[in-house]
Amino acid sequence: MKGCLVCVFVFLVASRAFFEEVGAAGECGKTPIRSAATSLSPCLSSARNVRAKVPPTCCTKVGALISAAPKCLCAVLLSPLAKQAGINPAIAITIPKRCKIRNRPAGKKCGRYVVP
């Protein structure tokens, strides 16, 4: 009986690891949302204030993210992590346009927001 419980426990732990790995292939591909969000740290002031100048490093990071996984930006902006950081999704969603990124997903919905 004790051996059976150990087997079930090992199976559950292995299953959880498997499902977490599969879950990682979401909107940001295999990059965890936390890592994608961290890469956008140069954008923090611009994501809180529509009048703040968008730093070139932010534009570079956002452009690369849109090219690699267009839905990832939306996932990051709507994540609990972004909310904790004080990100305003209505302002943050304007960053690709403020950066003059040509391949931005203009007109696409991101939650209740539309990419300009």
PDB file of N, CA and C in Angstrom:
ATOM      1  N   MET A   1       0.817  -1.196   0.000  1.00  0.00           N
ATOM      2  CA  MET A   1       0.000   0.000   0.000  1.00  0.00           C
ATOM      3  C   MET A   1       0.860   1.260   0.000  1.00  0.00           C
ATOM      4  N   LYS A   2       1.896   1.264   0.852  1.00  0.00           N
ATOM      5  CA  LYS A   2       2.783   2.415   0.941  1.00  0.00           C
ATOM      6  C   LYS A   2       3.503   2.647  -0.393  1.00  0.00           C
ATOM      7  N   GLY A   3       3.901   1.547  -1.044  1.00  0.00           N
ATOM      8  CA  GLY A   3       4.571   1.634  -2.347  1.00  0.00           C
ATOM      9  C   GLY A   3       3.644   2.206  -3.410  1.00  0.00           C
ATOM     10  N   CYS A   4       2.377   1.868  -3.323  1.00  0.00           N
ATOM     11  CA  CYS A   4       1.387   2.374  -4.278  1.00  0.00           C
ATOM     12  C   CYS A   4       1.203   3.881  -4.123  1.00  0.00           C
ATOM     13  N   LEU A   5       1.186   4.350  -2.880  1.00  0.00           N
ATOM     14  CA  LEU A   5       1.052   5.787  -2.622  1.00  0.00           C
ATOM     15  C   LEU A   5       2.256   6.557  -3.165  1.00  0.00           C
ATOM     16  N   VAL A   6       3.429   5.979  -2.999  1.00  0.00           N
ATOM     17  CA  VAL A   6       4.648   6.599  -3.523  1.00  0.00           C
ATOM     18  C   VAL A   6       4.563   6.694  -5.052  1.00  0.00           C
ATOM     19  N   CYS A   7       4.097   5.625  -5.695  1.00  0.00           N
ATOM     20  CA  CYS A   7       3.955   5.631  -7.158  1.00  0.00           C
ATOM     21  C   CYS A   7       2.969   6.701  -7.612  1.00  0.00           C
ATOM     22  N   VAL A   8       1.851   6.827  -6.916  1.00  0.00           N
ATOM     23  CA  VAL A   8       0.853   7.847  -7.263  1.00  0.00           C
ATOM     24  C   VAL A   8       1.452   9.231  -7.086  1.00  0.00           C
ATOM     25  N   PHE A   9       2.174   9.455  -5.993  1.00  0.00           N
ATOM     26  CA  PHE A   9       2.796  10.749  -5.744  1.00  0.00           C
ATOM     27  C   PHE A   9       3.793  11.093  -6.855  1.00  0.00           C
ATOM     28  N   VAL A  10       4.643  10.145  -7.211  1.00  0.00           N
ATOM     29  CA  VAL A  10       5.631  10.367  -8.280  1.00  0.00           C
ATOM     30  C   VAL A  10       4.913  10.663  -9.597  1.00  0.00           C
ATOM     31  N   PHE A  11       3.857   9.925  -9.882  1.00  0.00           N
ATOM     32  CA  PHE A  11       3.089  10.157 -11.101  1.00  0.00           C
ATOM     33  C   PHE A  11       2.503  11.573 -11.124  1.00  0.00           C
ATOM     34  N   LEU A  12       1.940  12.011 -10.013  1.00  0.00           N
ATOM     35  CA  LEU A  12       1.347  13.354  -9.953  1.00  0.00           C
ATOM     36  C   LEU A  12       2.398  14.445 -10.139  1.00  0.00           C
ATOM     37  N   VAL A  13       3.542  14.274  -9.511  1.00  0.00           N
ATOM     38  CA  VAL A  13       4.621  15.253  -9.661  1.00  0.00           C
ATOM     39  C   VAL A  13       5.096  15.295 -11.111  1.00  0.00           C
ATOM     40  N   ALA A  14       5.286  14.136 -11.713  1.00  0.00           N
ATOM     41  CA  ALA A  14       5.731  14.072 -13.110  1.00  0.00           C
ATOM     42  C   ALA A  14       4.669  14.656 -14.036  1.00  0.00           C
ATOM     43  N   SER A  15       3.403  14.387 -13.769  1.00  0.00           N
ATOM     44  CA  SER A  15       2.317  14.924 -14.599  1.00  0.00           C
ATOM     45  C   SER A  15       2.274  16.437 -14.514  1.00  0.00           C
ATOM     46  N   ARG A  16       2.436  16.963 -13.312  1.00  0.00           N
ATOM     47  CA  ARG A  16       2.414  18.419 -13.140  1.00  0.00           C
ATOM     48  C   ARG A  16       3.549  19.060 -13.939  1.00  0.00           C
ATOM     49  N   ALA A  17       4.731  18.507 -13.868  1.00  0.00           N
ATOM     50  CA  ALA A  17       5.868  19.037 -14.627  1.00  0.00           C
ATOM     51  C   ALA A  17       5.579  18.982 -16.122  1.00  0.00           C
ATOM     52  N   PHE A  18       4.974  17.882 -16.578  1.00  0.00           N
ATOM     53  CA  PHE A  18       4.644  17.742 -17.990  1.00  0.00           C
ATOM     54  C   PHE A  18       3.640  18.809 -18.419  1.00  0.00           C
ATOM     55  N   PHE A  19       2.587  18.992 -17.639  1.00  0.00           N
ATOM     56  CA  PHE A  19       1.556  19.968 -18.010  1.00  0.00           C
ATOM     57  C   PHE A  19       2.066  21.399 -17.911  1.00  0.00           C
ATOM     58  N   GLU A  20       2.951  21.688 -16.967  1.00  0.00           N
ATOM     59  CA  GLU A  20       3.533  23.024 -16.895  1.00  0.00           C
ATOM     60  C   GLU A  20       4.384  23.289 -18.124  1.00  0.00           C
ATOM     61  N   GLU A  21       5.104  22.277 -18.594  1.00  0.00           N
ATOM     62  CA  GLU A  21       5.931  22.429 -19.795  1.00  0.00           C
ATOM     63  C   GLU A  21       5.054  22.659 -21.015  1.00  0.00           C
ATOM     64  N   VAL A  22       3.969  21.899 -21.133  1.00  0.00           N
ATOM     65  CA  VAL A  22       3.044  22.064 -22.247  1.00  0.00           C
ATOM     66  C   VAL A  22       2.389  23.434 -22.170  1.00  0.00           C
ATOM     67  N   GLY A  23       2.015  23.859 -20.961  1.00  0.00           N
ATOM     68  CA  GLY A  23       1.373  25.156 -20.778  1.00  0.00           C
ATOM     69  C   GLY A  23       2.282  26.309 -21.145  1.00  0.00           C
ATOM     70  N   ALA A  24       3.585  26.079 -21.112  1.00  0.00           N
ATOM     71  CA  ALA A  24       4.527  27.143 -21.435  1.00  0.00           C
ATOM     72  C   ALA A  24       4.468  27.516 -22.912  1.00  0.00           C
ATOM     73  N   ALA A  25       3.939  26.634 -23.738  1.00  0.00           N
ATOM     74  CA  ALA A  25       3.838  26.920 -25.166  1.00  0.00           C
ATOM     75  C   ALA A  25       2.515  27.636 -25.429  1.00  0.00           C
ATOM     76  N   GLY A  26       2.345  28.794 -24.792  1.00  0.00           N
ATOM     77  CA  GLY A  26       1.119  29.574 -24.926  1.00  0.00           C
ATOM     78  C   GLY A  26       1.311  30.741 -25.876  1.00  0.00           C
ATOM     79  N   GLU A  27       0.743  31.871 -25.519  1.00  0.00           N
ATOM     80  CA  GLU A  27       0.786  33.059 -26.362  1.00  0.00           C
ATOM     81  C   GLU A  27       2.211  33.529 -26.646  1.00  0.00           C
ATOM     82  N   CYS A  28       3.124  33.250 -25.739  1.00  0.00           N
ATOM     83  CA  CYS A  28       4.511  33.692 -25.904  1.00  0.00           C
ATOM     84  C   CYS A  28       5.428  32.551 -26.335  1.00  0.00           C
ATOM     85  N   GLY A  29       4.860  31.524 -26.923  1.00  0.00           N
ATOM     86  CA  GLY A  29       5.656  30.371 -27.331  1.00  0.00           C
ATOM     87  C   GLY A  29       6.170  29.656 -26.099  1.00  0.00           C
ATOM     88  N   LYS A  30       7.431  29.308 -26.091  1.00  0.00           N
ATOM     89  CA  LYS A  30       8.001  28.614 -24.939  1.00  0.00           C
ATOM     90  C   LYS A  30       8.577  29.584 -23.920  1.00  0.00           C
ATOM     91  N   THR A  31       8.497  30.873 -24.213  1.00  0.00           N
ATOM     92  CA  THR A  31       8.976  31.882 -23.273  1.00  0.00           C
ATOM     93  C   THR A  31       7.897  32.131 -22.222  1.00  0.00           C
ATOM     94  N   PRO A  32       8.209  31.978 -20.955  1.00  0.00           N
ATOM     95  CA  PRO A  32       7.220  32.278 -19.921  1.00  0.00           C
ATOM     96  C   PRO A  32       6.817  33.756 -19.967  1.00  0.00           C
ATOM     97  N   ILE A  33       5.567  34.028 -19.676  1.00  0.00           N
ATOM     98  CA  ILE A  33       5.080  35.414 -19.717  1.00  0.00           C
ATOM     99  C   ILE A  33       5.920  36.304 -18.812  1.00  0.00           C
ATOM    100  N   ARG A  34       6.338  35.780 -17.658  1.00  0.00           N
ATOM    101  CA  ARG A  34       7.163  36.581 -16.741  1.00  0.00           C
ATOM    102  C   ARG A  34       8.449  37.045 -17.425  1.00  0.00           C
ATOM    103  N   SER A  35       9.089  36.174 -18.201  1.00  0.00           N
ATOM    104  CA  SER A  35      10.320  36.542 -18.917  1.00  0.00           C
ATOM    105  C   SER A  35      10.039  37.570 -20.001  1.00  0.00           C
ATOM    106  N   ALA A  36       8.933  37.371 -20.720  1.00  0.00           N
ATOM    107  CA  ALA A  36       8.563  38.339 -21.760  1.00  0.00           C
ATOM    108  C   ALA A  36       8.277  39.698 -21.136  1.00  0.00           C
ATOM    109  N   ALA A  37       7.579  39.699 -20.010  1.00  0.00           N
ATOM    110  CA  ALA A  37       7.264  40.954 -19.322  1.00  0.00           C
ATOM    111  C   ALA A  37       8.529  41.640 -18.829  1.00  0.00           C
ATOM    112  N   THR A  38       9.440  40.864 -18.282  1.00  0.00           N
ATOM    113  CA  THR A  38      10.702  41.420 -17.791  1.00  0.00           C
ATOM    114  C   THR A  38      11.502  42.045 -18.925  1.00  0.00           C
ATOM    115  N   SER A  39      11.454  41.445 -20.096  1.00  0.00           N
ATOM    116  CA  SER A  39      12.200  41.997 -21.233  1.00  0.00           C
ATOM    117  C   SER A  39      11.662  43.357 -21.651  1.00  0.00           C
ATOM    118  N   LEU A  40      10.414  43.646 -21.267  1.00  0.00           N
ATOM    119  CA  LEU A  40       9.807  44.933 -21.631  1.00  0.00           C
ATOM    120  C   LEU A  40       9.967  45.991 -20.542  1.00  0.00           C
ATOM    121  N   SER A  41      10.834  45.752 -19.581  1.00  0.00           N
ATOM    122  CA  SER A  41      11.030  46.717 -18.497  1.00  0.00           C
ATOM    123  C   SER A  41      11.429  48.115 -18.971  1.00  0.00           C
ATOM    124  N   PRO A  42      12.132  48.280 -20.105  1.00  0.00           N
ATOM    125  CA  PRO A  42      12.429  49.645 -20.564  1.00  0.00           C
ATOM    126  C   PRO A  42      11.167  50.440 -20.940  1.00  0.00           C
ATOM    127  N   CYS A  43      10.035  49.752 -21.029  1.00  0.00           N
ATOM    128  CA  CYS A  43       8.778  50.386 -21.444  1.00  0.00           C
ATOM    129  C   CYS A  43       7.916  50.847 -20.276  1.00  0.00           C
ATOM    130  N   LEU A  44       8.348  50.611 -19.057  1.00  0.00           N
ATOM    131  CA  LEU A  44       7.484  50.866 -17.900  1.00  0.00           C
ATOM    132  C   LEU A  44       6.904  52.272 -17.860  1.00  0.00           C
ATOM    133  N   SER A  45       7.733  53.291 -17.970  1.00  0.00           N
ATOM    134  CA  SER A  45       7.207  54.658 -17.868  1.00  0.00           C
ATOM    135  C   SER A  45       6.255  54.969 -19.019  1.00  0.00           C
ATOM    136  N   SER A  46       6.542  54.447 -20.189  1.00  0.00           N
ATOM    137  CA  SER A  46       5.692  54.680 -21.368  1.00  0.00           C
ATOM    138  C   SER A  46       4.373  53.924 -21.275  1.00  0.00           C
ATOM    139  N   ALA A  47       4.338  52.863 -20.500  1.00  0.00           N
ATOM    140  CA  ALA A  47       3.123  52.062 -20.339  1.00  0.00           C
ATOM    141  C   ALA A  47       2.211  52.630 -19.254  1.00  0.00           C
ATOM    142  N   ARG A  48       2.727  53.600 -18.532  1.00  0.00           N
ATOM    143  CA  ARG A  48       1.936  54.238 -17.473  1.00  0.00           C
ATOM    144  C   ARG A  48       1.468  55.639 -17.861  1.00  0.00           C
ATOM    145  N   ASN A  49       2.189  56.262 -18.791  1.00  0.00           N
ATOM    146  CA  ASN A  49       1.915  57.654 -19.136  1.00  0.00           C
ATOM    147  C   ASN A  49       1.979  57.816 -20.652  1.00  0.00           C
ATOM    148  N   VAL A  50       0.856  58.165 -21.263  1.00  0.00           N
ATOM    149  CA  VAL A  50       0.781  58.284 -22.721  1.00  0.00           C
ATOM    150  C   VAL A  50       1.669  59.407 -23.254  1.00  0.00           C
ATOM    151  N   ARG A  51       2.003  60.361 -22.406  1.00  0.00           N
ATOM    152  CA  ARG A  51       2.856  61.489 -22.828  1.00  0.00           C
ATOM    153  C   ARG A  51       4.347  61.209 -22.646  1.00  0.00           C
ATOM    154  N   ALA A  52       4.678  60.122 -21.979  1.00  0.00           N
ATOM    155  CA  ALA A  52       6.084  59.773 -21.756  1.00  0.00           C
ATOM    156  C   ALA A  52       6.713  59.340 -23.072  1.00  0.00           C
ATOM    157  N   LYS A  53       7.942  59.783 -23.289  1.00  0.00           N
ATOM    158  CA  LYS A  53       8.677  59.394 -24.485  1.00  0.00           C
ATOM    159  C   LYS A  53       8.997  57.897 -24.395  1.00  0.00           C
ATOM    160  N   VAL A  54       8.812  57.207 -25.499  1.00  0.00           N
ATOM    161  CA  VAL A  54       9.109  55.769 -25.529  1.00  0.00           C
ATOM    162  C   VAL A  54      10.595  55.604 -25.846  1.00  0.00           C
ATOM    163  N   PRO A  55      11.359  54.983 -24.940  1.00  0.00           N
ATOM    164  CA  PRO A  55      12.790  54.799 -25.193  1.00  0.00           C
ATOM    165  C   PRO A  55      13.041  53.872 -26.388  1.00  0.00           C
ATOM    166  N   PRO A  56      14.094  54.131 -27.141  1.00  0.00           N
ATOM    167  CA  PRO A  56      14.427  53.268 -28.286  1.00  0.00           C
ATOM    168  C   PRO A  56      14.583  51.797 -27.896  1.00  0.00           C
ATOM    169  N   THR A  57      15.123  51.525 -26.711  1.00  0.00           N
ATOM    170  CA  THR A  57      15.278  50.126 -26.288  1.00  0.00           C
ATOM    171  C   THR A  57      13.910  49.463 -26.120  1.00  0.00           C
ATOM    172  N   CYS A  58      12.932  50.223 -25.666  1.00  0.00           N
ATOM    173  CA  CYS A  58      11.573  49.692 -25.539  1.00  0.00           C
ATOM    174  C   CYS A  58      11.036  49.346 -26.923  1.00  0.00           C
ATOM    175  N   CYS A  59      11.198  50.259 -27.865  1.00  0.00           N
ATOM    176  CA  CYS A  59      10.707  50.023 -29.234  1.00  0.00           C
ATOM    177  C   CYS A  59      11.345  48.778 -29.839  1.00  0.00           C
ATOM    178  N   THR A  60      12.637  48.614 -29.606  1.00  0.00           N
ATOM    179  CA  THR A  60      13.349  47.440 -30.120  1.00  0.00           C
ATOM    180  C   THR A  60      12.771  46.158 -29.523  1.00  0.00           C
ATOM    181  N   LYS A  61      12.573  46.162 -28.210  1.00  0.00           N
ATOM    182  CA  LYS A  61      12.043  44.973 -27.527  1.00  0.00           C
ATOM    183  C   LYS A  61      10.612  44.664 -27.982  1.00  0.00           C
ATOM    184  N   VAL A  62       9.769  45.697 -28.079  1.00  0.00           N
ATOM    185  CA  VAL A  62       8.378  45.489 -28.503  1.00  0.00           C
ATOM    186  C   VAL A  62       8.338  44.982 -29.946  1.00  0.00           C
ATOM    187  N   GLY A  63       9.144  45.568 -30.817  1.00  0.00           N
ATOM    188  CA  GLY A  63       9.206  45.132 -32.221  1.00  0.00           C
ATOM    189  C   GLY A  63       9.624  43.676 -32.339  1.00  0.00           C
ATOM    190  N   ALA A  64      10.621  43.286 -31.555  1.00  0.00           N
ATOM    191  CA  ALA A  64      11.087  41.893 -31.583  1.00  0.00           C
ATOM    192  C   ALA A  64      10.007  40.952 -31.058  1.00  0.00           C
ATOM    193  N   LEU A  65       9.316  41.368 -30.014  1.00  0.00           N
ATOM    194  CA  LEU A  65       8.261  40.535 -29.444  1.00  0.00           C
ATOM    195  C   LEU A  65       7.108  40.362 -30.423  1.00  0.00           C
ATOM    196  N   ILE A  66       6.727  41.441 -31.100  1.00  0.00           N
ATOM    197  CA  ILE A  66       5.644  41.361 -32.088  1.00  0.00           C
ATOM    198  C   ILE A  66       6.046  40.454 -33.252  1.00  0.00           C
ATOM    199  N   SER A  67       7.293  40.544 -33.673  1.00  0.00           N
ATOM    200  CA  SER A  67       7.767  39.695 -34.777  1.00  0.00           C
ATOM    201  C   SER A  67       7.789  38.221 -34.385  1.00  0.00           C
ATOM    202  N   ALA A  68       8.228  37.945 -33.156  1.00  0.00           N
ATOM    203  CA  ALA A  68       8.366  36.560 -32.710  1.00  0.00           C
ATOM    204  C   ALA A  68       7.023  35.929 -32.318  1.00  0.00           C
ATOM    205  N   ALA A  69       6.203  36.674 -31.607  1.00  0.00           N
ATOM    206  CA  ALA A  69       4.928  36.133 -31.103  1.00  0.00           C
ATOM    207  C   ALA A  69       3.943  37.287 -30.914  1.00  0.00           C
ATOM    208  N   PRO A  70       3.223  37.670 -31.964  1.00  0.00           N
ATOM    209  CA  PRO A  70       2.354  38.849 -31.906  1.00  0.00           C
ATOM    210  C   PRO A  70       1.348  38.853 -30.755  1.00  0.00           C
ATOM    211  N   LYS A  71       0.825  37.697 -30.380  1.00  0.00           N
ATOM    212  CA  LYS A  71      -0.171  37.643 -29.303  1.00  0.00           C
ATOM    213  C   LYS A  71       0.457  37.762 -27.918  1.00  0.00           C
ATOM    214  N   CYS A  72       1.766  37.628 -27.849  1.00  0.00           N
ATOM    215  CA  CYS A  72       2.464  37.671 -26.567  1.00  0.00           C
ATOM    216  C   CYS A  72       2.357  39.046 -25.923  1.00  0.00           C
ATOM    217  N   LEU A  73       2.461  40.102 -26.710  1.00  0.00           N
ATOM    218  CA  LEU A  73       2.387  41.454 -26.158  1.00  0.00           C
ATOM    219  C   LEU A  73       1.064  41.639 -25.425  1.00  0.00           C
ATOM    220  N   CYS A  74      -0.010  41.221 -26.028  1.00  0.00           N
ATOM    221  CA  CYS A  74      -1.325  41.322 -25.410  1.00  0.00           C
ATOM    222  C   CYS A  74      -1.371  40.494 -24.118  1.00  0.00           C
ATOM    223  N   ALA A  75      -0.842  39.292 -24.165  1.00  0.00           N
ATOM    224  CA  ALA A  75      -0.840  38.425 -22.987  1.00  0.00           C
ATOM    225  C   ALA A  75      -0.070  39.075 -21.839  1.00  0.00           C
ATOM    226  N   VAL A  76       1.044  39.709 -22.169  1.00  0.00           N
ATOM    227  CA  VAL A  76       1.848  40.384 -21.149  1.00  0.00           C
ATOM    228  C   VAL A  76       1.074  41.570 -20.575  1.00  0.00           C
ATOM    229  N   LEU A  77       0.479  42.384 -21.443  1.00  0.00           N
ATOM    230  CA  LEU A  77      -0.222  43.590 -20.990  1.00  0.00           C
ATOM    231  C   LEU A  77      -1.428  43.280 -20.118  1.00  0.00           C
ATOM    232  N   LEU A  78      -2.038  42.130 -20.324  1.00  0.00           N
ATOM    233  CA  LEU A  78      -3.220  41.756 -19.547  1.00  0.00           C
ATOM    234  C   LEU A  78      -2.895  40.828 -18.374  1.00  0.00           C
ATOM    235  N   SER A  79      -1.619  40.560 -18.171  1.00  0.00           N
ATOM    236  CA  SER A  79      -1.210  39.629 -17.115  1.00  0.00           C
ATOM    237  C   SER A  79      -1.296  40.276 -15.732  1.00  0.00           C
ATOM    238  N   PRO A  80      -1.446  39.444 -14.697  1.00  0.00           N
ATOM    239  CA  PRO A  80      -1.424  39.970 -13.324  1.00  0.00           C
ATOM    240  C   PRO A  80      -0.114  40.689 -13.007  1.00  0.00           C
ATOM    241  N   LEU A  81       0.973  40.248 -13.603  1.00  0.00           N
ATOM    242  CA  LEU A  81       2.271  40.883 -13.388  1.00  0.00           C
ATOM    243  C   LEU A  81       2.247  42.337 -13.858  1.00  0.00           C
ATOM    244  N   ALA A  82       1.647  42.581 -15.030  1.00  0.00           N
ATOM    245  CA  ALA A  82       1.554  43.952 -15.544  1.00  0.00           C
ATOM    246  C   ALA A  82       0.692  44.810 -14.619  1.00  0.00           C
ATOM    247  N   LYS A  83      -0.369  44.228 -14.129  1.00  0.00           N
ATOM    248  CA  LYS A  83      -1.250  44.962 -13.209  1.00  0.00           C
ATOM    249  C   LYS A  83      -0.487  45.332 -11.943  1.00  0.00           C
ATOM    250  N   GLN A  84       0.300  44.393 -11.416  1.00  0.00           N
ATOM    251  CA  GLN A  84       1.104  44.657 -10.220  1.00  0.00           C
ATOM    252  C   GLN A  84       2.115  45.771 -10.464  1.00  0.00           C
ATOM    253  N   ALA A  85       2.626  45.864 -11.690  1.00  0.00           N
ATOM    254  CA  ALA A  85       3.629  46.872 -12.024  1.00  0.00           C
ATOM    255  C   ALA A  85       3.003  48.237 -12.308  1.00  0.00           C
ATOM    256  N   GLY A  86       1.682  48.315 -12.251  1.00  0.00           N
ATOM    257  CA  GLY A  86       1.010  49.589 -12.487  1.00  0.00           C
ATOM    258  C   GLY A  86       0.847  49.932 -13.952  1.00  0.00           C
ATOM    259  N   ILE A  87       0.915  48.914 -14.809  1.00  0.00           N
ATOM    260  CA  ILE A  87       0.761  49.121 -16.246  1.00  0.00           C
ATOM    261  C   ILE A  87      -0.705  49.410 -16.546  1.00  0.00           C
ATOM    262  N   ASN A  88      -0.941  50.428 -17.356  1.00  0.00           N
ATOM    263  CA  ASN A  88      -2.289  50.745 -17.823  1.00  0.00           C
ATOM    264  C   ASN A  88      -2.405  50.159 -19.230  1.00  0.00           C
ATOM    265  N   PRO A  89      -3.155  49.062 -19.404  1.00  0.00           N
ATOM    266  CA  PRO A  89      -3.231  48.422 -20.724  1.00  0.00           C
ATOM    267  C   PRO A  89      -3.702  49.365 -21.828  1.00  0.00           C
ATOM    268  N   ALA A  90      -4.594  50.286 -21.518  1.00  0.00           N
ATOM    269  CA  ALA A  90      -5.084  51.231 -22.532  1.00  0.00           C
ATOM    270  C   ALA A  90      -3.962  52.126 -23.041  1.00  0.00           C
ATOM    271  N   ILE A  91      -3.011  52.435 -22.180  1.00  0.00           N
ATOM    272  CA  ILE A  91      -1.856  53.254 -22.590  1.00  0.00           C
ATOM    273  C   ILE A  91      -0.784  52.364 -23.201  1.00  0.00           C
ATOM    274  N   ALA A  92      -0.501  51.234 -22.572  1.00  0.00           N
ATOM    275  CA  ALA A  92       0.560  50.338 -23.041  1.00  0.00           C
ATOM    276  C   ALA A  92       0.304  49.835 -24.458  1.00  0.00           C
ATOM    277  N   ILE A  93      -0.959  49.634 -24.795  1.00  0.00           N
ATOM    278  CA  ILE A  93      -1.296  49.116 -26.124  1.00  0.00           C
ATOM    279  C   ILE A  93      -0.948  50.111 -27.230  1.00  0.00           C
ATOM    280  N   THR A  94      -0.714  51.370 -26.853  1.00  0.00           N
ATOM    281  CA  THR A  94      -0.351  52.394 -27.845  1.00  0.00           C
ATOM    282  C   THR A  94       1.148  52.419 -28.150  1.00  0.00           C
ATOM    283  N   ILE A  95       1.933  51.703 -27.374  1.00  0.00           N
ATOM    284  CA  ILE A  95       3.392  51.749 -27.557  1.00  0.00           C
ATOM    285  C   ILE A  95       3.829  51.344 -28.966  1.00  0.00           C
ATOM    286  N   PRO A  96       3.306  50.264 -29.553  1.00  0.00           N
ATOM    287  CA  PRO A  96       3.751  49.938 -30.921  1.00  0.00           C
ATOM    288  C   PRO A  96       3.521  51.084 -31.917  1.00  0.00           C
ATOM    289  N   LYS A  97       2.410  51.782 -31.794  1.00  0.00           N
ATOM    290  CA  LYS A  97       2.148  52.914 -32.694  1.00  0.00           C
ATOM    291  C   LYS A  97       3.081  54.070 -32.367  1.00  0.00           C
ATOM    292  N   ARG A  98       3.290  54.328 -31.091  1.00  0.00           N
ATOM    293  CA  ARG A  98       4.197  55.408 -30.681  1.00  0.00           C
ATOM    294  C   ARG A  98       5.625  55.123 -31.122  1.00  0.00           C
ATOM    295  N   CYS A  99       5.959  53.845 -31.259  1.00  0.00           N
ATOM    296  CA  CYS A  99       7.283  53.437 -31.753  1.00  0.00           C
ATOM    297  C   CYS A  99       7.337  53.400 -33.283  1.00  0.00           C
ATOM    298  N   LYS A 100       6.185  53.612 -33.908  1.00  0.00           N
ATOM    299  CA  LYS A 100       6.085  53.552 -35.376  1.00  0.00           C
ATOM    300  C   LYS A 100       6.471  52.171 -35.911  1.00  0.00           C
ATOM    301  N   ILE A 101       6.029  51.131 -35.218  1.00  0.00           N
ATOM    302  CA  ILE A 101       6.285  49.755 -35.644  1.00  0.00           C
ATOM    303  C   ILE A 101       5.288  49.428 -36.747  1.00  0.00           C
ATOM    304  N   ARG A 102       5.795  49.119 -37.911  1.00  0.00           N
ATOM    305  CA  ARG A 102       4.933  48.887 -39.085  1.00  0.00           C
ATOM    306  C   ARG A 102       4.142  47.594 -39.012  1.00  0.00           C
ATOM    307  N   ASN A 103       4.734  46.549 -38.497  1.00  0.00           N
ATOM    308  CA  ASN A 103       4.064  45.244 -38.498  1.00  0.00           C
ATOM    309  C   ASN A 103       3.243  45.009 -37.231  1.00  0.00           C
ATOM    310  N   ARG A 104       2.841  46.087 -36.574  1.00  0.00           N
ATOM    311  CA  ARG A 104       2.027  45.931 -35.361  1.00  0.00           C
ATOM    312  C   ARG A 104       0.659  45.371 -35.740  1.00  0.00           C
ATOM    313  N   PRO A 105       0.029  44.678 -34.824  1.00  0.00           N
ATOM    314  CA  PRO A 105      -1.280  44.089 -35.133  1.00  0.00           C
ATOM    315  C   PRO A 105      -2.408  45.125 -35.034  1.00  0.00           C
ATOM    316  N   ALA A 106      -2.328  46.181 -35.835  1.00  0.00           N
ATOM    317  CA  ALA A 106      -3.315  47.265 -35.795  1.00  0.00           C
ATOM    318  C   ALA A 106      -4.719  46.735 -36.055  1.00  0.00           C
ATOM    319  N   GLY A 107      -5.668  47.208 -35.269  1.00  0.00           N
ATOM    320  CA  GLY A 107      -7.052  46.796 -35.411  1.00  0.00           C
ATOM    321  C   GLY A 107      -7.396  45.509 -34.685  1.00  0.00           C
ATOM    322  N   LYS A 108      -6.390  44.812 -34.169  1.00  0.00           N
ATOM    323  CA  LYS A 108      -6.630  43.555 -33.440  1.00  0.00           C
ATOM    324  C   LYS A 108      -7.034  43.883 -32.009  1.00  0.00           C
ATOM    325  N   LYS A 109      -7.890  43.042 -31.452  1.00  0.00           N
ATOM    326  CA  LYS A 109      -8.329  43.239 -30.071  1.00  0.00           C
ATOM    327  C   LYS A 109      -7.326  42.628 -29.111  1.00  0.00           C
ATOM    328  N   CYS A 110      -7.175  43.298 -27.984  1.00  0.00           N
ATOM    329  CA  CYS A 110      -6.355  42.819 -26.887  1.00  0.00           C
ATOM    330  C   CYS A 110      -7.222  43.016 -25.648  1.00  0.00           C
ATOM    331  N   GLY A 111      -7.940  41.966 -25.284  1.00  0.00           N
ATOM    332  CA  GLY A 111      -8.927  42.118 -24.212  1.00  0.00           C
ATOM    333  C   GLY A 111     -10.016  43.046 -24.708  1.00  0.00           C
ATOM    334  N   ARG A 112     -10.284  44.084 -23.959  1.00  0.00           N
ATOM    335  CA  ARG A 112     -11.288  45.062 -24.399  1.00  0.00           C
ATOM    336  C   ARG A 112     -10.662  46.239 -25.140  1.00  0.00           C
ATOM    337  N   TYR A 113      -9.368  46.173 -25.396  1.00  0.00           N
ATOM    338  CA  TYR A 113      -8.638  47.244 -26.072  1.00  0.00           C
ATOM    339  C   TYR A 113      -8.370  46.863 -27.526  1.00  0.00           C
ATOM    340  N   VAL A 114      -8.264  47.863 -28.381  1.00  0.00           N
ATOM    341  CA  VAL A 114      -7.942  47.635 -29.791  1.00  0.00           C
ATOM    342  C   VAL A 114      -6.600  48.285 -30.073  1.00  0.00           C
ATOM    343  N   VAL A 115      -5.713  47.552 -30.723  1.00  0.00           N
ATOM    344  CA  VAL A 115      -4.392  48.062 -31.063  1.00  0.00           C
ATOM    345  C   VAL A 115      -4.542  49.167 -32.101  1.00  0.00           C
ATOM    346  N   PRO A 116      -4.040  50.378 -31.775  1.00  0.00           N
ATOM    347  CA  PRO A 116      -4.144  51.478 -32.762  1.00  0.00           C
ATOM    348  C   PRO A 116      -3.192  51.312 -33.925  1.00  0.00           C
TER     349      PRO A 116
END
